[in-house]
Amino acid sequence: MGGLIPNIYHSLDASHLMVVIKNIKNQNIDYILPIPDCFGTQLNYLSFVYNILKLGFIQIYSNQEILKSFHGNILLKIINLI
């Protein structure tokens, strides 16, 4: 289980990337360049993309059921190891 935390982080990071790209495409912005841990866009879209990035974090991390479900699954795996 040594790689558990990095894998969780990368999964959440990838989820955020997908949410952001989906939301940007829904707004008909065609100029987005996803790079690990950052995004590129045209200057006139910068503040708009910045707001979509913040909303992406809110969409993912405000759902407490995801964290409860993950916690329950980890506890089950630990119990099964004992």
PDB file of N, CA and C in Angstrom:
ATOM      1  N   MET A   1       0.822  -1.201   0.000  1.00  0.00           N
ATOM      2  CA  MET A   1       0.000   0.000   0.000  1.00  0.00           C
ATOM      3  C   MET A   1       0.860   1.256   0.000  1.00  0.00           C
ATOM      4  N   GLY A   2       2.149   1.126  -0.333  1.00  0.00           N
ATOM      5  CA  GLY A   2       3.043   2.268  -0.333  1.00  0.00           C
ATOM      6  C   GLY A   2       2.696   3.320  -1.374  1.00  0.00           C
ATOM      7  N   GLY A   3       2.087   2.910  -2.478  1.00  0.00           N
ATOM      8  CA  GLY A   3       1.749   3.854  -3.536  1.00  0.00           C
ATOM      9  C   GLY A   3       0.328   4.365  -3.458  1.00  0.00           C
ATOM     10  N   LEU A   4      -0.354   4.089  -2.368  1.00  0.00           N
ATOM     11  CA  LEU A   4      -1.770   4.445  -2.254  1.00  0.00           C
ATOM     12  C   LEU A   4      -1.999   5.952  -2.335  1.00  0.00           C
ATOM     13  N   ILE A   5      -1.308   6.711  -1.525  1.00  0.00           N
ATOM     14  CA  ILE A   5      -1.535   8.160  -1.477  1.00  0.00           C
ATOM     15  C   ILE A   5      -1.179   8.836  -2.806  1.00  0.00           C
ATOM     16  N   PRO A   6      -0.021   8.536  -3.421  1.00  0.00           N
ATOM     17  CA  PRO A   6       0.252   9.152  -4.730  1.00  0.00           C
ATOM     18  C   PRO A   6      -0.797   8.776  -5.777  1.00  0.00           C
ATOM     19  N   ASN A   7      -1.268   7.534  -5.748  1.00  0.00           N
ATOM     20  CA  ASN A   7      -2.286   7.125  -6.714  1.00  0.00           C
ATOM     21  C   ASN A   7      -3.602   7.859  -6.500  1.00  0.00           C
ATOM     22  N   ILE A   8      -3.968   8.077  -5.244  1.00  0.00           N
ATOM     23  CA  ILE A   8      -5.186   8.842  -4.952  1.00  0.00           C
ATOM     24  C   ILE A   8      -5.031  10.263  -5.485  1.00  0.00           C
ATOM     25  N   TYR A   9      -3.891  10.868  -5.193  1.00  0.00           N
ATOM     26  CA  TYR A   9      -3.643  12.235  -5.644  1.00  0.00           C
ATOM     27  C   TYR A   9      -3.739  12.330  -7.165  1.00  0.00           C
ATOM     28  N   HIS A  10      -3.093  11.412  -7.869  1.00  0.00           N
ATOM     29  CA  HIS A  10      -3.092  11.467  -9.333  1.00  0.00           C
ATOM     30  C   HIS A  10      -4.485  11.193  -9.903  1.00  0.00           C
ATOM     31  N   SER A  11      -5.246  10.332  -9.253  1.00  0.00           N
ATOM     32  CA  SER A  11      -6.618  10.072  -9.705  1.00  0.00           C
ATOM     33  C   SER A  11      -7.487  11.311  -9.551  1.00  0.00           C
ATOM     34  N   LEU A  12      -7.370  11.984  -8.425  1.00  0.00           N
ATOM     35  CA  LEU A  12      -8.149  13.203  -8.210  1.00  0.00           C
ATOM     36  C   LEU A  12      -7.704  14.316  -9.154  1.00  0.00           C
ATOM     37  N   ASP A  13      -6.404  14.395  -9.412  1.00  0.00           N
ATOM     38  CA  ASP A  13      -5.873  15.387 -10.344  1.00  0.00           C
ATOM     39  C   ASP A  13      -6.415  15.139 -11.753  1.00  0.00           C
ATOM     40  N   ALA A  14      -6.435  13.873 -12.162  1.00  0.00           N
ATOM     41  CA  ALA A  14      -6.975  13.528 -13.478  1.00  0.00           C
ATOM     42  C   ALA A  14      -8.476  13.799 -13.544  1.00  0.00           C
ATOM     43  N   SER A  15      -9.179  13.550 -12.458  1.00  0.00           N
ATOM     44  CA  SER A  15     -10.620  13.837 -12.413  1.00  0.00           C
ATOM     45  C   SER A  15     -10.874  15.330 -12.572  1.00  0.00           C
ATOM     46  N   HIS A  16     -10.059  16.128 -11.908  1.00  0.00           N
ATOM     47  CA  HIS A  16     -10.196  17.576 -12.025  1.00  0.00           C
ATOM     48  C   HIS A  16      -9.941  18.019 -13.460  1.00  0.00           C
ATOM     49  N   LEU A  17      -8.923  17.462 -14.083  1.00  0.00           N
ATOM     50  CA  LEU A  17      -8.612  17.781 -15.477  1.00  0.00           C
ATOM     51  C   LEU A  17      -9.812  17.492 -16.373  1.00  0.00           C
ATOM     52  N   MET A  18     -10.425  16.340 -16.202  1.00  0.00           N
ATOM     53  CA  MET A  18     -11.566  15.964 -17.042  1.00  0.00           C
ATOM     54  C   MET A  18     -12.772  16.873 -16.797  1.00  0.00           C
ATOM     55  N   VAL A  19     -13.025  17.219 -15.551  1.00  0.00           N
ATOM     56  CA  VAL A  19     -14.140  18.126 -15.236  1.00  0.00           C
ATOM     57  C   VAL A  19     -13.908  19.481 -15.874  1.00  0.00           C
ATOM     58  N   VAL A  20     -12.696  19.985 -15.773  1.00  0.00           N
ATOM     59  CA  VAL A  20     -12.364  21.304 -16.338  1.00  0.00           C
ATOM     60  C   VAL A  20     -12.512  21.285 -17.859  1.00  0.00           C
ATOM     61  N   ILE A  21     -11.947  20.296 -18.508  1.00  0.00           N
ATOM     62  CA  ILE A  21     -12.035  20.216 -19.967  1.00  0.00           C
ATOM     63  C   ILE A  21     -13.496  20.118 -20.406  1.00  0.00           C
ATOM     64  N   LYS A  22     -14.281  19.303 -19.717  1.00  0.00           N
ATOM     65  CA  LYS A  22     -15.709  19.175 -20.055  1.00  0.00           C
ATOM     66  C   LYS A  22     -16.420  20.517 -19.909  1.00  0.00           C
ATOM     67  N   ASN A  23     -16.186  21.214 -18.811  1.00  0.00           N
ATOM     68  CA  ASN A  23     -16.842  22.502 -18.580  1.00  0.00           C
ATOM     69  C   ASN A  23     -16.384  23.562 -19.586  1.00  0.00           C
ATOM     70  N   ILE A  24     -15.127  23.531 -19.952  1.00  0.00           N
ATOM     71  CA  ILE A  24     -14.622  24.491 -20.937  1.00  0.00           C
ATOM     72  C   ILE A  24     -15.238  24.213 -22.306  1.00  0.00           C
ATOM     73  N   LYS A  25     -15.302  22.947 -22.699  1.00  0.00           N
ATOM     74  CA  LYS A  25     -15.905  22.593 -23.987  1.00  0.00           C
ATOM     75  C   LYS A  25     -17.389  22.962 -24.011  1.00  0.00           C
ATOM     76  N   ASN A  26     -18.079  22.814 -22.865  1.00  0.00           N
ATOM     77  CA  ASN A  26     -19.495  23.194 -22.791  1.00  0.00           C
ATOM     78  C   ASN A  26     -19.697  24.685 -23.006  1.00  0.00           C
ATOM     79  N   GLN A  27     -18.657  25.484 -22.767  1.00  0.00           N
ATOM     80  CA  GLN A  27     -18.733  26.934 -22.962  1.00  0.00           C
ATOM     81  C   GLN A  27     -18.203  27.346 -24.341  1.00  0.00           C
ATOM     82  N   ASN A  28     -17.939  26.356 -25.188  1.00  0.00           N
ATOM     83  CA  ASN A  28     -17.471  26.591 -26.562  1.00  0.00           C
ATOM     84  C   ASN A  28     -16.132  27.318 -26.634  1.00  0.00           C
ATOM     85  N   ILE A  29     -15.270  27.058 -25.697  1.00  0.00           N
ATOM     86  CA  ILE A  29     -13.905  27.582 -25.753  1.00  0.00           C
ATOM     87  C   ILE A  29     -13.040  26.486 -26.367  1.00  0.00           C
ATOM     88  N   ASP A  30     -12.414  26.799 -27.495  1.00  0.00           N
ATOM     89  CA  ASP A  30     -11.617  25.805 -28.196  1.00  0.00           C
ATOM     90  C   ASP A  30     -10.124  25.943 -27.924  1.00  0.00           C
ATOM     91  N   TYR A  31      -9.744  26.933 -27.174  1.00  0.00           N
ATOM     92  CA  TYR A  31      -8.326  27.206 -26.968  1.00  0.00           C
ATOM     93  C   TYR A  31      -7.928  26.888 -25.540  1.00  0.00           C
ATOM     94  N   ILE A  32      -7.664  25.607 -25.275  1.00  0.00           N
ATOM     95  CA  ILE A  32      -7.209  25.191 -23.954  1.00  0.00           C
ATOM     96  C   ILE A  32      -6.084  24.181 -24.144  1.00  0.00           C
ATOM     97  N   LEU A  33      -5.033  24.327 -23.376  1.00  0.00           N
ATOM     98  CA  LEU A  33      -3.890  23.429 -23.452  1.00  0.00           C
ATOM     99  C   LEU A  33      -3.648  22.861 -22.055  1.00  0.00           C
ATOM    100  N   PRO A  34      -4.089  21.614 -21.815  1.00  0.00           N
ATOM    101  CA  PRO A  34      -3.839  21.021 -20.491  1.00  0.00           C
ATOM    102  C   PRO A  34      -2.404  20.507 -20.389  1.00  0.00           C
ATOM    103  N   ILE A  35      -1.724  20.931 -19.362  1.00  0.00           N
ATOM    104  CA  ILE A  35      -0.357  20.519 -19.061  1.00  0.00           C
ATOM    105  C   ILE A  35      -0.390  20.075 -17.601  1.00  0.00           C
ATOM    106  N   PRO A  36       0.380  19.037 -17.209  1.00  0.00           N
ATOM    107  CA  PRO A  36       0.316  18.620 -15.800  1.00  0.00           C
ATOM    108  C   PRO A  36       0.458  19.802 -14.837  1.00  0.00           C
ATOM    109  N   ASP A  37      -0.531  19.949 -13.988  1.00  0.00           N
ATOM    110  CA  ASP A  37      -0.593  20.977 -12.948  1.00  0.00           C
ATOM    111  C   ASP A  37      -0.766  22.403 -13.464  1.00  0.00           C
ATOM    112  N   CYS A  38      -1.129  22.584 -14.737  1.00  0.00           N
ATOM    113  CA  CYS A  38      -1.434  23.924 -15.238  1.00  0.00           C
ATOM    114  C   CYS A  38      -2.231  23.827 -16.536  1.00  0.00           C
ATOM    115  N   PHE A  39      -2.749  24.949 -16.979  1.00  0.00           N
ATOM    116  CA  PHE A  39      -3.513  25.032 -18.215  1.00  0.00           C
ATOM    117  C   PHE A  39      -3.053  26.247 -18.991  1.00  0.00           C
ATOM    118  N   GLY A  40      -3.144  26.172 -20.301  1.00  0.00           N
ATOM    119  CA  GLY A  40      -2.846  27.319 -21.143  1.00  0.00           C
ATOM    120  C   GLY A  40      -4.079  27.672 -21.962  1.00  0.00           C
ATOM    121  N   THR A  41      -4.278  28.939 -22.204  1.00  0.00           N
ATOM    122  CA  THR A  41      -5.388  29.407 -23.027  1.00  0.00           C
ATOM    123  C   THR A  41      -5.036  30.778 -23.591  1.00  0.00           C
ATOM    124  N   GLN A  42      -5.901  31.306 -24.435  1.00  0.00           N
ATOM    125  CA  GLN A  42      -5.688  32.655 -24.944  1.00  0.00           C
ATOM    126  C   GLN A  42      -5.945  33.663 -23.837  1.00  0.00           C
ATOM    127  N   LEU A  43      -5.283  34.780 -23.924  1.00  0.00           N
ATOM    128  CA  LEU A  43      -5.368  35.798 -22.878  1.00  0.00           C
ATOM    129  C   LEU A  43      -6.801  36.263 -22.640  1.00  0.00           C
ATOM    130  N   ASN A  44      -7.604  36.385 -23.677  1.00  0.00           N
ATOM    131  CA  ASN A  44      -8.972  36.874 -23.483  1.00  0.00           C
ATOM    132  C   ASN A  44      -9.862  35.847 -22.785  1.00  0.00           C
ATOM    133  N   TYR A  45      -9.425  34.606 -22.671  1.00  0.00           N
ATOM    134  CA  TYR A  45     -10.192  33.581 -21.946  1.00  0.00           C
ATOM    135  C   TYR A  45      -9.626  33.309 -20.556  1.00  0.00           C
ATOM    136  N   LEU A  46      -8.563  33.966 -20.184  1.00  0.00           N
ATOM    137  CA  LEU A  46      -7.833  33.632 -18.972  1.00  0.00           C
ATOM    138  C   LEU A  46      -8.690  33.676 -17.708  1.00  0.00           C
ATOM    139  N   SER A  47      -9.390  34.757 -17.462  1.00  0.00           N
ATOM    140  CA  SER A  47     -10.183  34.846 -16.226  1.00  0.00           C
ATOM    141  C   SER A  47     -11.352  33.856 -16.254  1.00  0.00           C
ATOM    142  N   PHE A  48     -11.905  33.613 -17.425  1.00  0.00           N
ATOM    143  CA  PHE A  48     -13.004  32.665 -17.552  1.00  0.00           C
ATOM    144  C   PHE A  48     -12.518  31.244 -17.219  1.00  0.00           C
ATOM    145  N   VAL A  49     -11.363  30.854 -17.773  1.00  0.00           N
ATOM    146  CA  VAL A  49     -10.797  29.533 -17.497  1.00  0.00           C
ATOM    147  C   VAL A  49     -10.408  29.415 -16.030  1.00  0.00           C
ATOM    148  N   TYR A  50      -9.883  30.484 -15.448  1.00  0.00           N
ATOM    149  CA  TYR A  50      -9.523  30.481 -14.032  1.00  0.00           C
ATOM    150  C   TYR A  50     -10.745  30.173 -13.161  1.00  0.00           C
ATOM    151  N   ASN A  51     -11.878  30.779 -13.480  1.00  0.00           N
ATOM    152  CA  ASN A  51     -13.104  30.502 -12.720  1.00  0.00           C
ATOM    153  C   ASN A  51     -13.577  29.072 -12.909  1.00  0.00           C
ATOM    154  N   ILE A  52     -13.434  28.537 -14.118  1.00  0.00           N
ATOM    155  CA  ILE A  52     -13.816  27.146 -14.363  1.00  0.00           C
ATOM    156  C   ILE A  52     -12.913  26.201 -13.569  1.00  0.00           C
ATOM    157  N   LEU A  53     -11.624  26.542 -13.445  1.00  0.00           N
ATOM    158  CA  LEU A  53     -10.709  25.723 -12.642  1.00  0.00           C
ATOM    159  C   LEU A  53     -11.163  25.664 -11.190  1.00  0.00           C
ATOM    160  N   LYS A  54     -11.513  26.813 -10.635  1.00  0.00           N
ATOM    161  CA  LYS A  54     -11.985  26.848  -9.248  1.00  0.00           C
ATOM    162  C   LYS A  54     -13.273  26.052  -9.086  1.00  0.00           C
ATOM    163  N   LEU A  55     -14.193  26.211 -10.026  1.00  0.00           N
ATOM    164  CA  LEU A  55     -15.457  25.471  -9.947  1.00  0.00           C
ATOM    165  C   LEU A  55     -15.227  23.969 -10.063  1.00  0.00           C
ATOM    166  N   GLY A  56     -14.214  23.560 -10.833  1.00  0.00           N
ATOM    167  CA  GLY A  56     -13.888  22.143 -10.942  1.00  0.00           C
ATOM    168  C   GLY A  56     -13.485  21.553  -9.604  1.00  0.00           C
ATOM    169  N   PHE A  57     -12.666  22.283  -8.848  1.00  0.00           N
ATOM    170  CA  PHE A  57     -12.282  21.816  -7.508  1.00  0.00           C
ATOM    171  C   PHE A  57     -13.502  21.724  -6.602  1.00  0.00           C
ATOM    172  N   ILE A  58     -14.376  22.697  -6.682  1.00  0.00           N
ATOM    173  CA  ILE A  58     -15.586  22.680  -5.864  1.00  0.00           C
ATOM    174  C   ILE A  58     -16.457  21.489  -6.219  1.00  0.00           C
ATOM    175  N   GLN A  59     -16.613  21.221  -7.522  1.00  0.00           N
ATOM    176  CA  GLN A  59     -17.429  20.089  -7.956  1.00  0.00           C
ATOM    177  C   GLN A  59     -16.901  18.772  -7.407  1.00  0.00           C
ATOM    178  N   ILE A  60     -15.610  18.595  -7.410  1.00  0.00           N
ATOM    179  CA  ILE A  60     -15.026  17.322  -6.974  1.00  0.00           C
ATOM    180  C   ILE A  60     -14.997  17.200  -5.456  1.00  0.00           C
ATOM    181  N   TYR A  61     -14.494  18.214  -4.783  1.00  0.00           N
ATOM    182  CA  TYR A  61     -14.213  18.080  -3.351  1.00  0.00           C
ATOM    183  C   TYR A  61     -15.363  18.456  -2.436  1.00  0.00           C
ATOM    184  N   SER A  62     -16.458  18.970  -2.969  1.00  0.00           N
ATOM    185  CA  SER A  62     -17.593  19.271  -2.109  1.00  0.00           C
ATOM    186  C   SER A  62     -18.515  18.068  -1.949  1.00  0.00           C
ATOM    187  N   ASN A  63     -18.267  17.006  -2.696  1.00  0.00           N
ATOM    188  CA  ASN A  63     -19.073  15.795  -2.597  1.00  0.00           C
ATOM    189  C   ASN A  63     -18.509  14.902  -1.497  1.00  0.00           C
ATOM    190  N   GLN A  64     -19.095  14.975  -0.322  1.00  0.00           N
ATOM    191  CA  GLN A  64     -18.614  14.206   0.821  1.00  0.00           C
ATOM    192  C   GLN A  64     -18.839  12.708   0.648  1.00  0.00           C
ATOM    193  N   GLU A  65     -19.796  12.306  -0.175  1.00  0.00           N
ATOM    194  CA  GLU A  65     -20.067  10.887  -0.369  1.00  0.00           C
ATOM    195  C   GLU A  65     -18.872  10.172  -0.992  1.00  0.00           C
ATOM    196  N   ILE A  66     -18.130  10.848  -1.847  1.00  0.00           N
ATOM    197  CA  ILE A  66     -16.951  10.238  -2.455  1.00  0.00           C
ATOM    198  C   ILE A  66     -15.934   9.890  -1.377  1.00  0.00           C
ATOM    199  N   LEU A  67     -15.690  10.837  -0.474  1.00  0.00           N
ATOM    200  CA  LEU A  67     -14.708  10.601   0.583  1.00  0.00           C
ATOM    201  C   LEU A  67     -15.185   9.527   1.554  1.00  0.00           C
ATOM    202  N   LYS A  68     -16.466   9.514   1.891  1.00  0.00           N
ATOM    203  CA  LYS A  68     -17.005   8.481   2.787  1.00  0.00           C
ATOM    204  C   LYS A  68     -16.910   7.109   2.146  1.00  0.00           C
ATOM    205  N   SER A  69     -17.228   7.022   0.878  1.00  0.00           N
ATOM    206  CA  SER A  69     -17.156   5.750   0.159  1.00  0.00           C
ATOM    207  C   SER A  69     -15.718   5.248   0.097  1.00  0.00           C
ATOM    208  N   PHE A  70     -14.787   6.146  -0.209  1.00  0.00           N
ATOM    209  CA  PHE A  70     -13.380   5.766  -0.267  1.00  0.00           C
ATOM    210  C   PHE A  70     -12.905   5.279   1.101  1.00  0.00           C
ATOM    211  N   HIS A  71     -13.273   5.997   2.155  1.00  0.00           N
ATOM    212  CA  HIS A  71     -12.885   5.622   3.507  1.00  0.00           C
ATOM    213  C   HIS A  71     -13.425   4.238   3.854  1.00  0.00           C
ATOM    214  N   GLY A  72     -14.687   3.970   3.514  1.00  0.00           N
ATOM    215  CA  GLY A  72     -15.288   2.671   3.786  1.00  0.00           C
ATOM    216  C   GLY A  72     -14.572   1.547   3.045  1.00  0.00           C
ATOM    217  N   ASN A  73     -14.204   1.797   1.789  1.00  0.00           N
ATOM    218  CA  ASN A  73     -13.490   0.779   1.013  1.00  0.00           C
ATOM    219  C   ASN A  73     -12.116   0.487   1.594  1.00  0.00           C
ATOM    220  N   ILE A  74     -11.420   1.509   2.054  1.00  0.00           N
ATOM    221  CA  ILE A  74     -10.099   1.314   2.669  1.00  0.00           C
ATOM    222  C   ILE A  74     -10.234   0.502   3.957  1.00  0.00           C
ATOM    223  N   LEU A  75     -11.235   0.825   4.772  1.00  0.00           N
ATOM    224  CA  LEU A  75     -11.440   0.071   6.011  1.00  0.00           C
ATOM    225  C   LEU A  75     -11.721  -1.397   5.722  1.00  0.00           C
ATOM    226  N   LEU A  76     -12.521  -1.674   4.706  1.00  0.00           N
ATOM    227  CA  LEU A  76     -12.804  -3.071   4.345  1.00  0.00           C
ATOM    228  C   LEU A  76     -11.532  -3.806   3.916  1.00  0.00           C
ATOM    229  N   LYS A  77     -10.696  -3.150   3.155  1.00  0.00           N
ATOM    230  CA  LYS A  77      -9.440  -3.778   2.724  1.00  0.00           C
ATOM    231  C   LYS A  77      -8.525  -4.058   3.921  1.00  0.00           C
ATOM    232  N   ILE A  78      -8.479  -3.133   4.867  1.00  0.00           N
ATOM    233  CA  ILE A  78      -7.639  -3.326   6.063  1.00  0.00           C
ATOM    234  C   ILE A  78      -8.183  -4.489   6.896  1.00  0.00           C
ATOM    235  N   ILE A  79      -9.495  -4.537   7.059  1.00  0.00           N
ATOM    236  CA  ILE A  79     -10.110  -5.624   7.836  1.00  0.00           C
ATOM    237  C   ILE A  79      -9.830  -6.963   7.181  1.00  0.00           C
ATOM    238  N   ASN A  80      -9.881  -7.015   5.862  1.00  0.00           N
ATOM    239  CA  ASN A  80      -9.615  -8.263   5.146  1.00  0.00           C
ATOM    240  C   ASN A  80      -8.157  -8.700   5.240  1.00  0.00           C
ATOM    241  N   LEU A  81      -7.253  -7.762   5.510  1.00  0.00           N
ATOM    242  CA  LEU A  81      -5.837  -8.111   5.666  1.00  0.00           C
ATOM    243  C   LEU A  81      -5.546  -8.727   7.028  1.00  0.00           C
ATOM    244  N   ILE A  82      -6.386  -8.409   8.005  1.00  0.00           N
ATOM    245  CA  ILE A  82      -6.148  -8.870   9.389  1.00  0.00           C
ATOM    246  C   ILE A  82      -6.532 -10.314   9.555  1.00  0.00           C
TER     247      ILE A  82
END
